[in-house]
Amino acid sequence: MTREKLSSNLDKVIWNVEQARMMVSEHHIVKIVAVGKYSTIEDIATLYSLGQRAFGENQVQQLSLRSDELEDLPIEWHMIGTLQKNKINQLIALHPSLFQSLDSLELAKALNDRLVTANKTMNCLLQINSANEDTKSGVNVDEAIEIYSTIQKTCPNIKLKGVMCIGANSEDIDKVKESFIITKEIYDQLEGASICSMGMSGDYELAIACGSNLVRIGSSIFDS
């Protein structure tokens, strides 16, 4: 993509985020994570030069390749996709700023064990399946608070920073909104939580209105 198009897309997203957050409160800060799934190395470098600092990848292999290619840039990398257990060591070696998709207690225990062995820690978000959809990863709503607390108590090398969800896959805006509201209500009950990651290209303004303070934007930035 051209620099001009990327700049225009980013400016539009920033404007929309600003409008949405100001409707919540002038003190409500929202971080934009640009999701590189739809992009090239050159696009990411260009966005960095335009001021974007946080980037997310859905796959460990993609994160590895891009962080290696762009190692000269102090990019804040986020892992936002499903993590297979056989990729845990690779993710630990990459040391992302934030692993957003910790989707089960079982995965947390496996990740913590490897982190202990490596003598490292990792910032994570607990993914909640607040839409209650079979196609989505994440812990059940009814178990989310208990699992969050259990991870805090039993997985010392995992530093939980909050929660993440993917909005309901529905044309009904009320269903999408409900999934965000449920996640925010859980987030508000969590001790020490500071990140509520909700919203992607199709629904980030609604997510912000429901209390999201981190949005994951791919196609709205990278589509030409």
Foldseek 3Di string as FASTA:
>chain_A
DDLVQLLVLVVVVVVLLCVLLVVVPPPQAAAEEEECPLHDLVSVVSVVVVPRAHYEYADLVVLVVSCVVPVVDNHQYEHEHDDDLVCLVSVVVSQHQEHEEQADLVSLVSNLVVCVVVVAAHEYAFEEALLPDPVDGHDYLVCVQVSVVVSVVPRVRYHYQYHEYEFHPDPPVVSRLSSLLSRVVSRVPHPNHDAYEYEEDVCNSSSVNSPHRYYYYYCSSNPD
